[in-house]
Amino acid sequence: MPTIHREPDFGYDDLVDLVEGQLRVVELTAVNAEIGGPGERLWMMEPGLGGDVYRLWRKSRGKGRGTYWAVDRDRPWEAVVWLREALSGVLGRLTRPGAAYAYALEPGREEQDLAVLDELEAVRAGRGGGTGPVPGARGGGGSAGA
């Protein structure tokens, strides 16, 4: 996952603006709600433009040296590997026959899991063929200076 922008060159808000303001992306809100930490964001290129995945997250400087904000870019086939691992709980619930019990205890969980699955499928497919909007995803919206 190559880092394309990072602190201290850019602050957190500047990093968000660089992605949302200069790239044509949609935010993967369902996936990010499931695996993202405080302040972390996850996007993919708009349909028809390829499927690169952009991740704003805290990276370690090394043992005991703190962290920094960075924007990394992955190709879809690379992103699917770490996304599937990070989403193993969701994927397990969706494929386990006994999950109905878990869904009954947490109203709305099944819909959230299905939204995550839709976004994961969009990344896996790369959505490079212009197949329409990514279900559950929200547009980047902002532009630098707007």
Foldseek 3Di string as FASTA:
>chain_A
DDWDDWPPVDALVVVLQCPQAVAWWWWLVLLCVQQNDVSKTKIFHWAQPWTKIKIWDWDDPDPPPGTITTIDIDHLVVVLVVSCVSCVVLVCLVPDPPNVVVCVVPPPSVVSSVSNVQQSVCSNVRSNVVPDGRPPIGTSPDHPPD
